N, C-alpha and C. Protein backbone atom coordinates (compact mmCIF):
# COMPACT_ATOMS: atom_id res chain seq x y z
N MET A 1 20.17 -8.59 39.69
CA MET A 1 19.92 -8.40 37.97
C MET A 1 18.32 -8.34 38.22
N SER A 2 17.55 -8.59 36.89
CA SER A 2 16.76 -7.27 36.89
C SER A 2 16.43 -8.86 35.93
N LEU A 3 15.12 -9.17 36.07
CA LEU A 3 14.83 -10.52 35.03
C LEU A 3 13.47 -9.92 33.54
N PRO A 4 13.67 -9.95 32.35
CA PRO A 4 12.94 -9.30 31.43
C PRO A 4 10.77 -10.04 31.72
N PRO A 5 10.17 -8.85 31.06
CA PRO A 5 8.73 -8.93 31.54
C PRO A 5 8.83 -10.45 30.14
N CYS A 6 7.27 -9.94 31.30
CA CYS A 6 6.75 -11.54 29.98
C CYS A 6 6.89 -11.60 28.83
N PRO A 7 6.72 -12.95 28.10
CA PRO A 7 6.60 -12.53 26.61
C PRO A 7 5.59 -12.61 26.04
N VAL A 8 4.36 -13.30 26.85
CA VAL A 8 3.06 -12.55 26.64
C VAL A 8 2.12 -11.79 26.75
N CYS A 9 2.32 -11.35 27.70
CA CYS A 9 1.82 -10.31 28.32
C CYS A 9 2.08 -9.04 28.74
N GLN A 10 4.29 -9.34 28.42
CA GLN A 10 4.88 -8.13 28.96
C GLN A 10 4.40 -7.60 30.69
N SER A 11 4.35 -8.24 31.51
CA SER A 11 4.11 -7.71 32.83
C SER A 11 5.64 -7.68 33.98
N ALA A 12 5.96 -6.78 33.89
CA ALA A 12 6.72 -6.72 34.72
C ALA A 12 7.63 -7.78 36.01
N TYR A 13 6.05 -8.02 36.30
CA TYR A 13 6.37 -9.66 37.53
C TYR A 13 6.76 -10.64 37.86
N ALA A 14 7.53 -11.01 36.22
CA ALA A 14 7.25 -12.38 36.88
C ALA A 14 8.54 -12.70 37.84
N TYR A 15 9.31 -14.02 37.87
CA TYR A 15 9.73 -14.53 38.57
C TYR A 15 10.35 -15.54 38.48
N GLU A 16 11.68 -16.35 39.43
CA GLU A 16 12.38 -17.46 38.90
C GLU A 16 11.51 -18.68 39.93
N ASP A 17 11.10 -19.71 38.85
CA ASP A 17 10.49 -21.05 39.26
C ASP A 17 11.53 -22.15 38.78
N GLY A 18 12.30 -22.26 39.63
CA GLY A 18 14.02 -23.16 40.00
C GLY A 18 14.38 -22.65 38.24
N ALA A 19 14.21 -23.66 37.00
CA ALA A 19 15.12 -23.34 35.58
C ALA A 19 14.13 -22.42 34.91
N HIS A 20 13.28 -22.16 35.66
CA HIS A 20 11.88 -21.30 34.44
C HIS A 20 11.64 -20.28 34.62
N LEU A 21 10.97 -18.93 34.25
CA LEU A 21 10.44 -18.04 34.73
C LEU A 21 8.97 -18.07 34.77
N THR A 22 8.25 -17.41 35.46
CA THR A 22 7.12 -17.81 34.99
C THR A 22 6.34 -16.20 35.85
N CYS A 23 5.59 -16.19 34.93
CA CYS A 23 4.13 -14.60 35.23
C CYS A 23 2.88 -14.85 35.70
N PRO A 24 3.22 -14.50 37.17
CA PRO A 24 2.38 -14.32 38.14
C PRO A 24 0.29 -13.52 37.50
N GLU A 25 0.46 -13.07 36.81
CA GLU A 25 -0.50 -12.30 35.55
C GLU A 25 -1.22 -13.07 34.92
N CYS A 26 -0.66 -13.25 33.30
CA CYS A 26 -1.48 -14.29 33.18
C CYS A 26 -1.03 -16.03 32.94
N GLY A 27 0.10 -16.17 33.91
CA GLY A 27 0.47 -17.65 34.65
C GLY A 27 1.50 -18.66 32.76
N HIS A 28 1.98 -17.94 32.38
CA HIS A 28 3.24 -18.06 30.97
C HIS A 28 3.80 -18.75 31.39
N GLU A 29 5.05 -19.79 31.66
CA GLU A 29 5.81 -20.31 32.31
C GLU A 29 6.80 -20.53 30.84
N TRP A 30 8.47 -20.33 30.82
CA TRP A 30 9.37 -20.14 29.66
C TRP A 30 10.91 -19.76 30.65
N SER A 31 11.67 -19.97 29.64
CA SER A 31 13.01 -20.24 29.71
C SER A 31 13.78 -19.06 29.96
N PRO A 32 14.75 -19.08 30.38
CA PRO A 32 15.15 -17.03 29.94
C PRO A 32 15.27 -17.67 28.54
N ALA A 33 16.65 -18.53 28.68
CA ALA A 33 17.25 -18.47 27.17
C ALA A 33 15.71 -18.27 25.69
N ALA A 34 14.72 -19.16 25.67
CA ALA A 34 13.21 -18.88 25.06
C ALA A 34 13.02 -17.90 24.99
N GLY A 35 12.85 -16.89 26.04
CA GLY A 35 12.53 -15.58 26.86
C GLY A 35 13.33 -14.45 25.84
N ALA A 36 14.30 -14.92 25.19
CA ALA A 36 15.05 -14.02 24.83
C ALA A 36 15.11 -14.08 23.38
N ALA A 37 14.78 -15.05 22.50
CA ALA A 37 14.85 -15.75 21.43
C ALA A 37 13.18 -15.10 20.69
N ALA A 38 12.40 -15.01 21.64
CA ALA A 38 10.95 -14.81 21.56
C ALA A 38 10.62 -13.34 21.61
N ALA A 39 11.40 -12.60 22.24
CA ALA A 39 11.39 -11.01 22.54
C ALA A 39 11.97 -10.54 21.22
N GLU A 40 12.49 -11.25 20.20
CA GLU A 40 13.30 -10.67 19.53
C GLU A 40 13.15 -11.32 17.66
N THR A 41 11.98 -12.37 18.27
CA THR A 41 11.09 -12.48 17.45
C THR A 41 9.93 -11.77 16.91
N VAL A 42 10.05 -11.10 15.28
CA VAL A 42 8.66 -9.83 15.14
C VAL A 42 7.64 -10.69 14.00
N ARG A 43 6.46 -10.43 14.73
CA ARG A 43 5.51 -11.06 13.48
C ARG A 43 5.08 -10.02 12.74
N GLU A 44 4.61 -10.89 11.44
CA GLU A 44 4.90 -10.34 10.20
C GLU A 44 3.24 -11.13 10.20
N TYR A 45 2.05 -9.68 9.42
CA TYR A 45 1.69 -9.33 9.65
C TYR A 45 0.97 -9.56 7.22
N ARG A 46 0.79 -10.27 7.16
CA ARG A 46 0.44 -10.40 5.51
C ARG A 46 -0.86 -10.22 4.77
N ASP A 47 -0.94 -9.66 3.84
CA ASP A 47 -3.07 -10.16 3.26
C ASP A 47 -2.77 -11.34 2.39
N ALA A 48 -3.95 -11.37 1.91
CA ALA A 48 -4.71 -12.70 1.32
C ALA A 48 -3.86 -12.90 -0.01
N ALA A 49 -2.99 -11.64 -0.47
CA ALA A 49 -1.89 -11.50 -1.68
C ALA A 49 -0.64 -12.22 -1.23
N GLY A 50 -0.12 -11.84 0.04
CA GLY A 50 1.38 -11.92 0.38
C GLY A 50 1.81 -10.79 0.67
N ASN A 51 1.36 -9.81 0.64
CA ASN A 51 1.69 -8.73 0.96
C ASN A 51 1.89 -7.85 2.58
N LEU A 52 2.77 -7.27 2.48
CA LEU A 52 2.96 -7.04 4.21
C LEU A 52 2.43 -5.95 4.71
N LEU A 53 1.55 -6.38 5.27
CA LEU A 53 0.68 -5.02 6.42
C LEU A 53 1.38 -4.09 7.43
N GLN A 54 1.73 -2.98 6.91
CA GLN A 54 1.77 -2.25 8.51
C GLN A 54 0.42 -1.25 9.26
N ASP A 55 0.85 -0.76 10.00
CA ASP A 55 -0.32 -0.34 10.59
C ASP A 55 -0.73 1.33 9.90
N GLY A 56 -1.69 1.56 9.77
CA GLY A 56 -1.92 3.19 8.73
C GLY A 56 -1.98 1.74 7.41
N ASP A 57 -2.07 1.50 7.42
CA ASP A 57 -2.13 0.83 5.48
C ASP A 57 -3.85 0.59 5.26
N THR A 58 -4.02 1.49 4.06
CA THR A 58 -5.46 0.95 3.31
C THR A 58 -5.46 -0.35 3.00
N VAL A 59 -6.90 -0.93 3.07
CA VAL A 59 -7.31 -2.41 2.88
C VAL A 59 -8.41 -2.34 2.05
N THR A 60 -9.11 -3.57 0.72
CA THR A 60 -9.75 -3.51 1.34
C THR A 60 -10.40 -5.39 1.34
N VAL A 61 -12.03 -5.56 1.68
CA VAL A 61 -12.43 -6.38 1.71
C VAL A 61 -12.68 -7.97 -0.02
N ILE A 62 -12.45 -8.53 0.58
CA ILE A 62 -11.80 -9.71 -0.73
C ILE A 62 -12.86 -10.67 -0.72
N LYS A 63 -13.92 -10.42 -0.47
CA LYS A 63 -15.10 -11.22 -0.46
C LYS A 63 -16.50 -11.13 1.38
N ASP A 64 -17.19 -11.36 0.74
CA ASP A 64 -18.96 -10.18 1.70
C ASP A 64 -18.23 -11.78 3.13
N LEU A 65 -18.88 -10.50 4.14
CA LEU A 65 -18.71 -10.83 5.58
C LEU A 65 -19.37 -10.56 6.69
N LYS A 66 -20.70 -11.10 7.08
CA LYS A 66 -21.24 -11.65 7.91
C LYS A 66 -21.04 -11.14 9.43
N PRO A 67 -20.79 -10.18 9.72
CA PRO A 67 -20.25 -9.74 11.22
C PRO A 67 -21.21 -10.37 12.25
N LYS A 68 -20.59 -11.19 12.91
CA LYS A 68 -21.79 -11.99 14.00
C LYS A 68 -22.23 -10.84 14.72
N GLY A 69 -23.71 -11.11 15.30
CA GLY A 69 -24.37 -10.36 16.04
C GLY A 69 -24.38 -8.88 15.21
N SER A 70 -24.24 -8.35 14.06
CA SER A 70 -24.66 -7.53 13.26
C SER A 70 -25.89 -7.85 12.34
N GLY A 71 -27.07 -6.61 11.46
CA GLY A 71 -27.14 -7.56 10.60
C GLY A 71 -27.05 -7.32 9.71
N GLY A 72 -26.10 -6.32 9.26
CA GLY A 72 -25.58 -6.32 7.49
C GLY A 72 -24.48 -7.30 6.81
N VAL A 73 -23.85 -7.00 5.29
CA VAL A 73 -22.96 -7.53 5.77
C VAL A 73 -22.06 -6.47 4.68
N ILE A 74 -20.92 -7.11 5.09
CA ILE A 74 -19.73 -5.99 4.99
C ILE A 74 -19.21 -6.26 3.14
N LYS A 75 -19.28 -5.54 2.29
CA LYS A 75 -19.17 -5.90 0.93
C LYS A 75 -17.91 -6.17 0.30
N GLN A 76 -18.01 -7.25 -0.07
CA GLN A 76 -16.48 -7.37 -0.77
C GLN A 76 -16.23 -5.63 -1.92
N GLY A 77 -14.94 -5.59 -1.47
CA GLY A 77 -14.32 -4.25 -2.37
C GLY A 77 -14.22 -3.26 -1.57
N THR A 78 -15.46 -3.15 -0.09
CA THR A 78 -15.30 -2.66 0.56
C THR A 78 -13.19 -1.59 1.25
N LYS A 79 -13.18 -0.42 1.09
CA LYS A 79 -12.13 0.31 1.55
C LYS A 79 -12.05 0.60 3.67
N VAL A 80 -11.05 -0.33 3.95
CA VAL A 80 -10.61 -0.07 5.03
C VAL A 80 -9.61 0.58 5.55
N LYS A 81 -9.61 2.11 5.61
CA LYS A 81 -8.41 3.42 5.93
C LYS A 81 -7.88 2.60 7.31
N ASN A 82 -6.54 2.93 7.54
CA ASN A 82 -5.34 2.82 8.78
C ASN A 82 -6.27 2.35 9.36
N ILE A 83 -5.43 1.45 9.05
CA ILE A 83 -6.25 -0.27 9.75
C ILE A 83 -4.86 -0.04 11.26
N ARG A 84 -4.96 -1.26 12.15
CA ARG A 84 -4.46 -0.81 13.37
C ARG A 84 -3.96 -2.99 13.52
N LEU A 85 -2.62 -3.37 13.54
CA LEU A 85 -2.28 -4.72 13.06
C LEU A 85 -2.11 -5.18 15.03
N VAL A 86 -2.56 -6.26 15.25
CA VAL A 86 -3.02 -6.19 17.00
C VAL A 86 -2.68 -7.84 17.00
N ASP A 87 -1.95 -8.61 18.00
CA ASP A 87 -1.61 -9.97 17.46
C ASP A 87 -2.86 -11.24 18.44
N SER A 88 -4.33 -11.04 18.48
CA SER A 88 -4.81 -11.68 18.59
C SER A 88 -5.25 -12.47 17.57
N ASP A 89 -6.46 -13.23 17.61
CA ASP A 89 -7.03 -14.31 16.58
C ASP A 89 -7.43 -13.68 15.38
N HIS A 90 -7.78 -12.54 15.18
CA HIS A 90 -7.86 -11.66 14.86
C HIS A 90 -7.03 -10.39 14.47
N ASP A 91 -6.23 -10.16 13.28
CA ASP A 91 -5.27 -9.43 12.84
C ASP A 91 -5.17 -8.13 13.13
N ILE A 92 -6.70 -7.14 12.55
CA ILE A 92 -6.66 -5.81 11.78
C ILE A 92 -7.51 -5.72 13.24
N ASP A 93 -7.20 -3.99 13.82
CA ASP A 93 -8.07 -3.14 14.33
C ASP A 93 -8.80 -1.97 12.98
N CYS A 94 -9.78 -1.78 13.45
CA CYS A 94 -10.40 -1.35 12.33
C CYS A 94 -12.08 -0.45 12.37
N LYS A 95 -12.04 0.52 12.22
CA LYS A 95 -13.62 1.01 11.71
C LYS A 95 -14.19 1.48 9.87
N ILE A 96 -15.29 1.12 10.22
CA ILE A 96 -15.90 0.69 8.76
C ILE A 96 -16.84 1.40 8.89
N GLU A 97 -17.16 2.08 8.15
CA GLU A 97 -18.14 3.24 8.06
C GLU A 97 -19.71 2.46 7.78
N GLY A 98 -20.34 2.87 8.39
CA GLY A 98 -21.73 2.06 8.67
C GLY A 98 -22.25 0.73 9.72
N PHE A 99 -20.47 0.13 9.98
CA PHE A 99 -20.63 -0.70 11.05
C PHE A 99 -19.65 -0.19 12.08
N GLY A 100 -18.57 0.63 12.30
CA GLY A 100 -18.40 0.75 13.61
C GLY A 100 -16.60 0.43 14.36
N ALA A 101 -16.71 0.39 15.38
CA ALA A 101 -15.55 -0.93 15.22
C ALA A 101 -15.50 -2.06 15.16
N MET A 102 -14.71 -2.38 14.37
CA MET A 102 -14.97 -3.90 14.29
C MET A 102 -13.05 -4.76 14.25
N SER A 103 -13.04 -6.33 14.16
CA SER A 103 -11.63 -6.69 14.18
C SER A 103 -11.63 -8.03 12.36
N LEU A 104 -10.72 -7.29 12.53
CA LEU A 104 -11.05 -8.46 10.57
C LEU A 104 -9.74 -9.09 10.80
N LYS A 105 -9.64 -10.58 10.10
CA LYS A 105 -8.37 -11.42 9.26
C LYS A 105 -8.04 -11.01 8.48
N SER A 106 -7.01 -10.72 8.38
CA SER A 106 -6.04 -10.44 7.57
C SER A 106 -6.14 -11.50 5.97
N GLU A 107 -6.59 -12.27 6.56
CA GLU A 107 -6.95 -13.12 5.14
C GLU A 107 -7.73 -13.21 4.24
N PHE A 108 -8.49 -11.71 4.73
CA PHE A 108 -9.64 -11.37 3.85
C PHE A 108 -9.52 -9.69 3.49
N VAL A 109 -8.67 -9.50 3.21
CA VAL A 109 -7.92 -8.14 2.43
C VAL A 109 -7.41 -8.31 1.65
N ARG A 110 -6.97 -7.76 1.44
CA ARG A 110 -6.01 -7.09 0.01
C ARG A 110 -5.42 -5.40 0.29
N LYS A 111 -3.90 -5.54 0.51
CA LYS A 111 -3.77 -4.05 0.78
C LYS A 111 -3.30 -2.95 -0.86
N VAL A 112 -3.90 -2.26 -0.67
CA VAL A 112 -4.41 -0.88 -2.15
C VAL A 112 -3.41 -0.32 -2.15
């Protein structure tokens, strides 16, 4: 019998621990029934207006943002092209001209 990968880190090294499955890499524990349900759940990313975001979309910043560790400000209305959605506290990875690579929260952007 093949065990499913970890739903958190996708590690293939999950093992049975009583009635649960455990991931040795990230320490996540789950029941086999809950793991199947979690694998079917797909997270939806939405912008400030409630529009569904996808990889490759172009968005605009809806308010001035002051990135930590940077002396500048990302102005309201700045266009960000070719976004990439990630599963972390900041939903969007992107490159902004004049600032370089950074992460943004989807609540601060609007789809163009």
